[in-house]
Every structure is written in structure tokens, then in C-alpha cells.
Amino acid sequence: IAEPFIRRRAIRHLEKGRVVILAAGTGNPYFTTDTAAVLRAVEIGADVVIKATKVAGIYSDDPMLVPTAMLYDRVSFQDVLSKELKVMDSTAFQLCRDNNLPIVVFNVNVPGNLLRLVQGETIGTLVMEGAAMVAEGINPVTIERAATQMGFPAPPLAMLDEVTLTLP
């Protein structure tokens, strides 16, 4: 059993160094879990949104249909729009872009991936303003270092899909 989402209470828990897990959607029609997670991330001042998926990150094409699709290490918001890359629903993506909230897309089905990610290892694809488009294996930059270079502190983090996880 958990307490309901109250912005002030969630922020206070984070200030005390506690882990805050935000689960489910908003309960409003037309809002996906991605949009709900990004909305909550913006509300609590998260520094990064982590989208847990079944693929390794953002690809040049659908990796399930196009085996030669290229996995990107990092891309800018503009790259995603201009190349029509699939990251999340457009409302959630635009909310991240409008709030300059970086996104990390990674494969949650690989054991240990989430732990390695929050420990600063380069996992998946980083989307952030000003990020140069880089294919996998070229100039890897950890989330923490990339975020710091762009003026963002390291975590708290928000994770998307069925569970939203915010770590101090």
C-alpha cells in the first residue's frame, strides 16, 4: 500500500534522501503512461526521465523489422523530430523538450541495466538538447557526465512505463 501522489510530499521525501516510486498513470483519458511519468517528473523537478523499454535504446529504424537499424548513443530533441525517431508519444516528448528534461531510453529486460544506468554507466540512448547525434560505441558519454556538461545535476531520475521511479 502506498500513499497517493502529492507533489509537496514527494519533493519532501526526495529532500530527505528517500527513494520515491511513482506508479500508474494520471487516471485521465488520453494520457499515456509516458505522458503521466513526464508530467510527474516535471512536477517534482526530476533531472532525467528514464524510459524502460524492450529494445536497447533509440534506433534509426524499427530494430524488430530492420536488422541493420543503427542504435544511437545520444541524440538531440531536434534530431528525434527531424529524423522522426520513435522515442515516446508526442505529448510526453514535447513536454520533455519544452522543459529541457533529458530522456534516457534503455532495455529494462537486461538484468542489471537499471542499476548500471543509475551508477553512471552508459546504457541505452540519451536524448538532450545540444547533444550531438552519436552512434553506439562512438564517444560514449555517461548520463551523469553528459547531464553535468549541459548544466544539469546528476539524479533524481524518473523512469517511465508501468512504473515511474525517482531516485535521489
N, C-alpha and C. Protein backbone atom coordinates (compact mmCIF):
# COMPACT_ATOMS: atom_id res chain seq x y z
N ILE A 1 0.86 -1.17 0.00
CA ILE A 1 0.00 0.00 0.00
C ILE A 1 0.91 1.23 0.00
N ALA A 2 0.52 2.20 -0.81
CA ALA A 2 1.32 3.42 -0.94
C ALA A 2 0.43 4.63 -0.75
N GLU A 3 1.06 5.74 -0.48
CA GLU A 3 0.29 6.98 -0.34
C GLU A 3 0.01 7.58 -1.71
N PRO A 4 -1.05 8.35 -1.85
CA PRO A 4 -1.34 8.98 -3.15
C PRO A 4 -0.30 10.04 -3.49
N PHE A 5 -0.19 10.36 -4.79
CA PHE A 5 0.79 11.36 -5.22
C PHE A 5 0.35 12.75 -4.77
N ILE A 6 1.20 13.35 -3.98
CA ILE A 6 1.04 14.75 -3.59
C ILE A 6 2.41 15.38 -3.83
N ARG A 7 2.46 16.33 -4.73
CA ARG A 7 3.72 16.92 -5.18
C ARG A 7 4.61 17.34 -4.02
N ARG A 8 4.07 18.12 -3.11
CA ARG A 8 4.88 18.62 -1.98
C ARG A 8 5.45 17.48 -1.15
N ARG A 9 4.64 16.44 -0.96
CA ARG A 9 5.08 15.31 -0.16
C ARG A 9 6.19 14.53 -0.87
N ALA A 10 6.04 14.34 -2.18
CA ALA A 10 7.07 13.63 -2.96
C ALA A 10 8.39 14.40 -2.91
N ILE A 11 8.33 15.71 -3.09
CA ILE A 11 9.54 16.53 -3.05
C ILE A 11 10.18 16.47 -1.67
N ARG A 12 9.37 16.49 -0.63
CA ARG A 12 9.90 16.42 0.74
C ARG A 12 10.63 15.09 0.96
N HIS A 13 10.05 14.00 0.46
CA HIS A 13 10.71 12.69 0.59
C HIS A 13 12.07 12.73 -0.11
N LEU A 14 12.12 13.32 -1.29
CA LEU A 14 13.39 13.43 -2.01
C LEU A 14 14.39 14.27 -1.24
N GLU A 15 13.93 15.36 -0.67
CA GLU A 15 14.82 16.23 0.11
C GLU A 15 15.40 15.49 1.31
N LYS A 16 14.67 14.53 1.82
CA LYS A 16 15.14 13.72 2.95
C LYS A 16 16.02 12.56 2.49
N GLY A 17 16.26 12.46 1.17
CA GLY A 17 17.12 11.41 0.65
C GLY A 17 16.42 10.08 0.45
N ARG A 18 15.11 10.09 0.44
CA ARG A 18 14.35 8.86 0.27
C ARG A 18 14.12 8.58 -1.21
N VAL A 19 13.86 7.32 -1.53
CA VAL A 19 13.51 6.92 -2.88
C VAL A 19 12.00 7.08 -3.01
N VAL A 20 11.57 7.71 -4.11
CA VAL A 20 10.14 7.89 -4.38
C VAL A 20 9.81 7.12 -5.65
N ILE A 21 8.87 6.19 -5.54
CA ILE A 21 8.43 5.42 -6.70
C ILE A 21 7.02 5.89 -7.06
N LEU A 22 6.88 6.36 -8.30
CA LEU A 22 5.59 6.82 -8.79
C LEU A 22 5.09 5.79 -9.79
N ALA A 23 3.95 5.18 -9.52
CA ALA A 23 3.43 4.11 -10.37
C ALA A 23 2.08 4.48 -10.95
N ALA A 24 1.78 3.92 -12.13
CA ALA A 24 0.49 4.08 -12.83
C ALA A 24 0.41 5.40 -13.56
N GLY A 25 -0.77 5.68 -14.09
CA GLY A 25 -0.98 6.89 -14.88
C GLY A 25 -1.64 7.97 -14.05
N THR A 26 -2.23 8.95 -14.75
CA THR A 26 -2.89 10.06 -14.06
C THR A 26 -4.35 9.75 -13.77
N GLY A 27 -4.90 8.74 -14.44
CA GLY A 27 -6.31 8.44 -14.30
C GLY A 27 -7.17 9.27 -15.24
N ASN A 28 -6.53 10.05 -16.08
CA ASN A 28 -7.25 10.88 -17.04
C ASN A 28 -7.21 10.23 -18.42
N PRO A 29 -8.32 10.31 -19.16
CA PRO A 29 -8.30 9.75 -20.52
C PRO A 29 -7.34 10.54 -21.41
N TYR A 30 -6.81 9.89 -22.44
CA TYR A 30 -5.92 10.49 -23.44
C TYR A 30 -4.51 10.73 -22.92
N PHE A 31 -4.19 10.34 -21.70
CA PHE A 31 -2.84 10.48 -21.17
C PHE A 31 -2.20 9.11 -21.07
N THR A 32 -1.13 8.89 -21.82
CA THR A 32 -0.42 7.61 -21.76
C THR A 32 0.41 7.56 -20.48
N THR A 33 0.95 6.38 -20.19
CA THR A 33 1.84 6.28 -19.03
C THR A 33 3.11 7.11 -19.24
N ASP A 34 3.55 7.24 -20.49
CA ASP A 34 4.72 8.10 -20.78
C ASP A 34 4.41 9.54 -20.40
N THR A 35 3.25 10.04 -20.84
CA THR A 35 2.88 11.42 -20.53
C THR A 35 2.73 11.61 -19.03
N ALA A 36 2.10 10.66 -18.36
CA ALA A 36 1.93 10.75 -16.91
C ALA A 36 3.28 10.80 -16.20
N ALA A 37 4.20 9.95 -16.63
CA ALA A 37 5.52 9.91 -16.00
C ALA A 37 6.28 11.22 -16.21
N VAL A 38 6.23 11.75 -17.43
CA VAL A 38 6.93 13.01 -17.71
C VAL A 38 6.28 14.15 -16.92
N LEU A 39 4.96 14.16 -16.86
CA LEU A 39 4.25 15.18 -16.09
C LEU A 39 4.71 15.16 -14.64
N ARG A 40 4.75 13.99 -14.05
CA ARG A 40 5.20 13.87 -12.64
C ARG A 40 6.68 14.24 -12.50
N ALA A 41 7.49 13.87 -13.48
CA ALA A 41 8.92 14.22 -13.43
C ALA A 41 9.09 15.73 -13.44
N VAL A 42 8.32 16.42 -14.28
CA VAL A 42 8.39 17.89 -14.32
C VAL A 42 7.91 18.47 -13.00
N GLU A 43 6.83 17.92 -12.47
CA GLU A 43 6.25 18.43 -11.22
C GLU A 43 7.23 18.34 -10.04
N ILE A 44 8.01 17.27 -9.98
CA ILE A 44 8.92 17.11 -8.84
C ILE A 44 10.32 17.63 -9.13
N GLY A 45 10.53 18.14 -10.34
CA GLY A 45 11.84 18.70 -10.67
C GLY A 45 12.90 17.65 -10.95
N ALA A 46 12.49 16.50 -11.50
CA ALA A 46 13.47 15.46 -11.84
C ALA A 46 14.45 16.00 -12.88
N ASP A 47 15.64 15.47 -12.88
CA ASP A 47 16.68 15.92 -13.79
C ASP A 47 16.74 15.09 -15.07
N VAL A 48 16.27 13.86 -15.01
CA VAL A 48 16.34 12.95 -16.15
C VAL A 48 15.10 12.06 -16.13
N VAL A 49 14.55 11.76 -17.30
CA VAL A 49 13.47 10.80 -17.42
C VAL A 49 14.07 9.54 -18.02
N ILE A 50 13.83 8.41 -17.37
CA ILE A 50 14.35 7.14 -17.86
C ILE A 50 13.19 6.32 -18.40
N LYS A 51 13.23 6.02 -19.69
CA LYS A 51 12.18 5.22 -20.33
C LYS A 51 12.69 3.80 -20.50
N ALA A 52 12.09 2.91 -19.75
CA ALA A 52 12.44 1.50 -19.80
C ALA A 52 11.64 0.84 -20.91
N THR A 53 12.35 0.20 -21.85
CA THR A 53 11.68 -0.42 -23.00
C THR A 53 12.19 -1.85 -23.19
N LYS A 54 11.79 -2.45 -24.32
CA LYS A 54 12.25 -3.81 -24.64
C LYS A 54 13.37 -3.81 -25.67
N VAL A 55 13.82 -2.61 -26.08
CA VAL A 55 14.96 -2.50 -27.00
C VAL A 55 16.07 -1.71 -26.33
N ALA A 56 17.27 -1.78 -26.89
CA ALA A 56 18.46 -1.20 -26.26
C ALA A 56 18.50 0.32 -26.21
N GLY A 57 17.65 0.99 -26.97
CA GLY A 57 17.66 2.44 -27.00
C GLY A 57 16.90 2.94 -28.21
N ILE A 58 17.32 4.07 -28.76
CA ILE A 58 16.68 4.65 -29.92
C ILE A 58 17.47 4.25 -31.17
N TYR A 59 16.75 3.75 -32.15
CA TYR A 59 17.36 3.26 -33.39
C TYR A 59 16.97 4.15 -34.57
N SER A 60 17.74 4.04 -35.64
CA SER A 60 17.45 4.77 -36.87
C SER A 60 16.17 4.25 -37.53
N ASP A 61 15.80 3.02 -37.22
CA ASP A 61 14.61 2.37 -37.76
C ASP A 61 14.13 1.37 -36.71
N ASP A 62 13.00 0.74 -36.94
CA ASP A 62 12.49 -0.28 -36.02
C ASP A 62 13.42 -1.49 -36.06
N PRO A 63 14.15 -1.76 -34.96
CA PRO A 63 15.11 -2.87 -34.97
C PRO A 63 14.46 -4.24 -35.10
N MET A 64 13.17 -4.33 -34.79
CA MET A 64 12.46 -5.61 -34.92
C MET A 64 12.17 -5.91 -36.40
N LEU A 65 12.03 -4.86 -37.20
CA LEU A 65 11.71 -5.03 -38.62
C LEU A 65 12.92 -4.84 -39.53
N VAL A 66 13.87 -4.00 -39.10
CA VAL A 66 15.05 -3.67 -39.91
C VAL A 66 16.30 -4.07 -39.13
N PRO A 67 16.86 -5.24 -39.40
CA PRO A 67 18.01 -5.72 -38.63
C PRO A 67 19.25 -4.83 -38.74
N THR A 68 19.34 -4.01 -39.78
CA THR A 68 20.50 -3.13 -39.95
C THR A 68 20.30 -1.76 -39.30
N ALA A 69 19.21 -1.59 -38.55
CA ALA A 69 18.94 -0.31 -37.88
C ALA A 69 20.10 0.03 -36.95
N MET A 70 20.49 1.31 -36.94
CA MET A 70 21.61 1.77 -36.13
C MET A 70 21.13 2.29 -34.78
N LEU A 71 21.75 1.82 -33.71
CA LEU A 71 21.45 2.26 -32.36
C LEU A 71 22.22 3.54 -32.09
N TYR A 72 21.53 4.57 -31.62
CA TYR A 72 22.20 5.83 -31.28
C TYR A 72 22.59 5.85 -29.81
N ASP A 73 23.77 6.39 -29.55
CA ASP A 73 24.27 6.57 -28.19
C ASP A 73 23.62 7.80 -27.56
N ARG A 74 23.51 8.87 -28.36
CA ARG A 74 22.84 10.09 -27.89
C ARG A 74 22.34 10.88 -29.09
N VAL A 75 21.25 11.60 -28.88
CA VAL A 75 20.64 12.42 -29.91
C VAL A 75 20.06 13.67 -29.24
N SER A 76 19.86 14.71 -30.04
CA SER A 76 19.20 15.91 -29.52
C SER A 76 17.70 15.79 -29.75
N PHE A 77 16.93 16.64 -29.08
CA PHE A 77 15.49 16.66 -29.30
C PHE A 77 15.20 16.94 -30.78
N GLN A 78 15.98 17.86 -31.37
CA GLN A 78 15.78 18.22 -32.77
C GLN A 78 16.06 17.04 -33.70
N ASP A 79 17.11 16.25 -33.38
CA ASP A 79 17.42 15.06 -34.18
C ASP A 79 16.23 14.10 -34.19
N VAL A 80 15.63 13.91 -33.02
CA VAL A 80 14.49 12.99 -32.92
C VAL A 80 13.35 13.46 -33.82
N LEU A 81 13.07 14.77 -33.79
CA LEU A 81 11.99 15.31 -34.61
C LEU A 81 12.32 15.27 -36.10
N SER A 82 13.51 15.70 -36.46
CA SER A 82 13.86 15.78 -37.89
C SER A 82 13.99 14.40 -38.53
N LYS A 83 14.44 13.42 -37.79
CA LYS A 83 14.61 12.07 -38.33
C LYS A 83 13.40 11.18 -38.03
N GLU A 84 12.39 11.77 -37.35
CA GLU A 84 11.17 11.05 -37.00
C GLU A 84 11.47 9.75 -36.26
N LEU A 85 12.38 9.82 -35.28
CA LEU A 85 12.75 8.67 -34.47
C LEU A 85 11.65 8.42 -33.44
N LYS A 86 11.43 7.16 -33.12
CA LYS A 86 10.39 6.79 -32.17
C LYS A 86 10.99 6.71 -30.78
N VAL A 87 10.51 7.58 -29.89
CA VAL A 87 11.01 7.61 -28.52
C VAL A 87 9.87 7.31 -27.56
N MET A 88 8.84 8.12 -27.62
CA MET A 88 7.66 8.00 -26.77
C MET A 88 6.54 8.78 -27.45
N ASP A 89 5.37 8.83 -26.85
CA ASP A 89 4.30 9.55 -27.50
C ASP A 89 4.65 11.03 -27.61
N SER A 90 4.06 11.70 -28.58
CA SER A 90 4.45 13.08 -28.91
C SER A 90 4.19 14.06 -27.77
N THR A 91 3.13 13.86 -27.00
CA THR A 91 2.84 14.76 -25.89
C THR A 91 3.93 14.67 -24.83
N ALA A 92 4.29 13.46 -24.46
CA ALA A 92 5.35 13.25 -23.47
C ALA A 92 6.68 13.81 -23.97
N PHE A 93 7.00 13.53 -25.23
CA PHE A 93 8.27 14.00 -25.80
C PHE A 93 8.32 15.53 -25.80
N GLN A 94 7.23 16.16 -26.23
CA GLN A 94 7.19 17.62 -26.30
C GLN A 94 7.29 18.23 -24.90
N LEU A 95 6.69 17.60 -23.91
CA LEU A 95 6.78 18.07 -22.53
C LEU A 95 8.23 18.02 -22.05
N CYS A 96 8.94 16.96 -22.40
CA CYS A 96 10.37 16.87 -22.05
C CYS A 96 11.15 17.97 -22.76
N ARG A 97 10.89 18.14 -24.05
CA ARG A 97 11.60 19.15 -24.83
C ARG A 97 11.34 20.55 -24.29
N ASP A 98 10.07 20.87 -24.03
CA ASP A 98 9.71 22.19 -23.53
C ASP A 98 10.35 22.51 -22.19
N ASN A 99 10.58 21.47 -21.38
CA ASN A 99 11.17 21.66 -20.06
C ASN A 99 12.65 21.31 -20.01
N ASN A 100 13.25 21.08 -21.20
CA ASN A 100 14.66 20.73 -21.31
C ASN A 100 15.02 19.59 -20.35
N LEU A 101 14.17 18.57 -20.34
CA LEU A 101 14.30 17.43 -19.46
C LEU A 101 14.88 16.25 -20.26
N PRO A 102 16.14 15.89 -20.03
CA PRO A 102 16.76 14.79 -20.79
C PRO A 102 16.01 13.47 -20.61
N ILE A 103 16.12 12.63 -21.62
CA ILE A 103 15.47 11.31 -21.62
C ILE A 103 16.55 10.26 -21.87
N VAL A 104 16.49 9.17 -21.14
CA VAL A 104 17.34 8.01 -21.42
C VAL A 104 16.42 6.85 -21.73
N VAL A 105 16.64 6.23 -22.89
CA VAL A 105 15.86 5.07 -23.31
C VAL A 105 16.78 3.85 -23.23
N PHE A 106 16.34 2.81 -22.50
CA PHE A 106 17.19 1.63 -22.35
C PHE A 106 16.34 0.37 -22.24
N ASN A 107 16.99 -0.79 -22.38
CA ASN A 107 16.32 -2.09 -22.31
C ASN A 107 16.25 -2.54 -20.85
N VAL A 108 15.04 -2.56 -20.32
CA VAL A 108 14.83 -2.95 -18.93
C VAL A 108 14.92 -4.47 -18.76
N ASN A 109 14.84 -5.23 -19.86
CA ASN A 109 14.87 -6.70 -19.78
C ASN A 109 16.27 -7.28 -19.60
N VAL A 110 17.29 -6.46 -19.70
CA VAL A 110 18.66 -6.93 -19.47
C VAL A 110 18.94 -6.81 -17.98
N PRO A 111 19.17 -7.94 -17.30
CA PRO A 111 19.40 -7.90 -15.86
C PRO A 111 20.55 -6.95 -15.49
N GLY A 112 20.29 -6.09 -14.50
CA GLY A 112 21.31 -5.16 -14.01
C GLY A 112 21.39 -3.85 -14.76
N ASN A 113 20.65 -3.69 -15.87
CA ASN A 113 20.74 -2.46 -16.66
C ASN A 113 20.36 -1.22 -15.87
N LEU A 114 19.26 -1.27 -15.13
CA LEU A 114 18.82 -0.09 -14.37
C LEU A 114 19.87 0.29 -13.33
N LEU A 115 20.40 -0.67 -12.62
CA LEU A 115 21.43 -0.39 -11.62
C LEU A 115 22.66 0.23 -12.27
N ARG A 116 23.14 -0.36 -13.38
CA ARG A 116 24.30 0.19 -14.06
C ARG A 116 24.03 1.61 -14.55
N LEU A 117 22.82 1.85 -15.01
CA LEU A 117 22.45 3.18 -15.50
C LEU A 117 22.53 4.22 -14.40
N VAL A 118 21.92 3.95 -13.26
CA VAL A 118 21.93 4.95 -12.18
C VAL A 118 23.30 5.07 -11.52
N GLN A 119 24.18 4.10 -11.76
CA GLN A 119 25.54 4.21 -11.26
C GLN A 119 26.44 4.99 -12.23
N GLY A 120 25.86 5.46 -13.35
CA GLY A 120 26.61 6.32 -14.26
C GLY A 120 27.15 5.66 -15.51
N GLU A 121 26.91 4.36 -15.67
CA GLU A 121 27.38 3.67 -16.87
C GLU A 121 26.54 4.09 -18.07
N THR A 122 27.14 4.15 -19.24
CA THR A 122 26.40 4.48 -20.45
C THR A 122 25.56 3.28 -20.86
N ILE A 123 24.25 3.45 -20.76
CA ILE A 123 23.30 2.41 -21.14
C ILE A 123 22.24 3.07 -22.01
N GLY A 124 21.90 2.48 -23.12
CA GLY A 124 20.82 2.99 -23.96
C GLY A 124 21.18 4.26 -24.70
N THR A 125 20.16 5.10 -24.94
CA THR A 125 20.32 6.33 -25.70
C THR A 125 19.93 7.52 -24.84
N LEU A 126 20.75 8.55 -24.87
CA LEU A 126 20.49 9.80 -24.15
C LEU A 126 19.94 10.83 -25.13
N VAL A 127 18.79 11.41 -24.80
CA VAL A 127 18.21 12.49 -25.60
C VAL A 127 18.29 13.76 -24.75
N MET A 128 18.99 14.77 -25.26
CA MET A 128 19.05 16.05 -24.55
C MET A 128 19.38 17.16 -25.52
N GLU A 129 18.97 18.36 -25.18
CA GLU A 129 19.23 19.49 -26.06
C GLU A 129 20.72 19.69 -26.23
N GLY A 130 21.14 19.92 -27.45
CA GLY A 130 22.55 20.18 -27.73
C GLY A 130 23.40 18.93 -27.86
N ALA A 131 22.81 17.75 -27.64
CA ALA A 131 23.59 16.51 -27.76
C ALA A 131 23.84 16.23 -29.24
N ALA A 132 25.08 15.93 -29.56
CA ALA A 132 25.41 15.57 -30.95
C ALA A 132 24.94 14.14 -31.18
N MET A 133 24.41 13.88 -32.37
CA MET A 133 23.95 12.53 -32.69
C MET A 133 25.17 11.62 -32.81
N VAL A 134 25.19 10.57 -32.00
CA VAL A 134 26.33 9.65 -31.97
C VAL A 134 25.80 8.22 -32.01
N ALA A 135 26.38 7.43 -32.87
CA ALA A 135 26.01 6.01 -32.96
C ALA A 135 26.68 5.25 -31.83
N GLU A 136 26.13 4.09 -31.52
CA GLU A 136 26.62 3.26 -30.43
C GLU A 136 28.12 3.00 -30.58
N GLY A 137 28.82 3.09 -29.47
CA GLY A 137 30.23 2.76 -29.44
C GLY A 137 31.16 3.90 -29.82
N ILE A 138 30.63 5.04 -30.21
CA ILE A 138 31.47 6.17 -30.58
C ILE A 138 31.36 7.23 -29.51
N ASN A 139 32.47 7.61 -28.92
CA ASN A 139 32.49 8.63 -27.87
C ASN A 139 31.41 8.44 -26.82
N PRO A 140 31.36 7.31 -26.13
CA PRO A 140 30.31 7.12 -25.14
C PRO A 140 30.45 8.14 -24.01
N VAL A 141 29.34 8.68 -23.59
CA VAL A 141 29.30 9.66 -22.51
C VAL A 141 28.31 9.15 -21.48
N THR A 142 28.70 9.10 -20.24
CA THR A 142 27.76 8.64 -19.21
C THR A 142 26.67 9.68 -19.04
N ILE A 143 25.55 9.25 -18.54
CA ILE A 143 24.42 10.16 -18.30
C ILE A 143 24.87 11.28 -17.37
N GLU A 144 25.56 10.92 -16.31
CA GLU A 144 25.96 11.92 -15.33
C GLU A 144 26.87 12.97 -15.96
N ARG A 145 27.86 12.53 -16.72
CA ARG A 145 28.79 13.47 -17.34
C ARG A 145 28.09 14.33 -18.38
N ALA A 146 27.24 13.72 -19.20
CA ALA A 146 26.51 14.47 -20.22
C ALA A 146 25.58 15.48 -19.57
N ALA A 147 24.89 15.05 -18.56
CA ALA A 147 23.97 15.96 -17.87
C ALA A 147 24.73 17.11 -17.22
N THR A 148 25.86 16.81 -16.61
CA THR A 148 26.68 17.84 -15.97
C THR A 148 27.20 18.83 -17.00
N GLN A 149 27.64 18.33 -18.16
CA GLN A 149 28.13 19.21 -19.21
C GLN A 149 27.06 20.17 -19.71
N MET A 150 25.80 19.73 -19.65
CA MET A 150 24.69 20.56 -20.12
C MET A 150 24.11 21.41 -18.99
N GLY A 151 24.72 21.36 -17.79
CA GLY A 151 24.26 22.18 -16.69
C GLY A 151 23.22 21.54 -15.80
N PHE A 152 22.99 20.22 -15.96
CA PHE A 152 22.05 19.51 -15.10
C PHE A 152 22.84 18.78 -14.02
N PRO A 153 22.32 18.76 -12.79
CA PRO A 153 22.96 17.91 -11.78
C PRO A 153 22.66 16.45 -12.07
N ALA A 154 23.34 15.54 -11.40
CA ALA A 154 23.05 14.11 -11.54
C ALA A 154 21.66 13.85 -10.93
N PRO A 155 21.19 12.60 -10.81
CA PRO A 155 19.83 12.30 -10.37
C PRO A 155 19.31 13.28 -9.32
N PRO A 156 17.97 13.42 -9.06
CA PRO A 156 16.97 12.37 -9.17
C PRO A 156 16.57 12.02 -10.59
N LEU A 157 16.11 10.79 -10.71
CA LEU A 157 15.75 10.24 -12.02
C LEU A 157 14.29 9.80 -12.02
N ALA A 158 13.66 9.85 -13.18
CA ALA A 158 12.30 9.32 -13.30
C ALA A 158 12.29 8.25 -14.37
N MET A 159 11.67 7.13 -14.10
CA MET A 159 11.61 6.01 -15.04
C MET A 159 10.19 5.88 -15.57
N LEU A 160 10.08 5.64 -16.88
CA LEU A 160 8.76 5.58 -17.50
C LEU A 160 8.19 4.18 -17.60
N ASP A 161 7.04 4.11 -18.17
CA ASP A 161 6.21 2.97 -18.48
C ASP A 161 5.36 2.61 -17.27
N GLU A 162 5.25 1.36 -16.92
CA GLU A 162 4.29 0.99 -15.89
C GLU A 162 4.69 1.53 -14.53
N VAL A 163 5.95 1.73 -14.30
CA VAL A 163 6.39 2.26 -13.01
C VAL A 163 7.26 3.47 -13.26
N THR A 164 7.05 4.50 -12.48
CA THR A 164 7.91 5.68 -12.55
C THR A 164 8.74 5.67 -11.28
N LEU A 165 10.04 5.71 -11.44
CA LEU A 165 10.94 5.58 -10.31
C LEU A 165 11.79 6.83 -10.22
N THR A 166 11.80 7.44 -9.06
CA THR A 166 12.62 8.63 -8.86
C THR A 166 13.63 8.30 -7.77
N LEU A 167 14.89 8.45 -8.09
CA LEU A 167 15.95 8.15 -7.15
C LEU A 167 16.67 9.42 -6.74
N PRO A 168 16.97 9.59 -5.46
CA PRO A 168 17.72 10.80 -5.04
C PRO A 168 19.17 10.71 -5.44
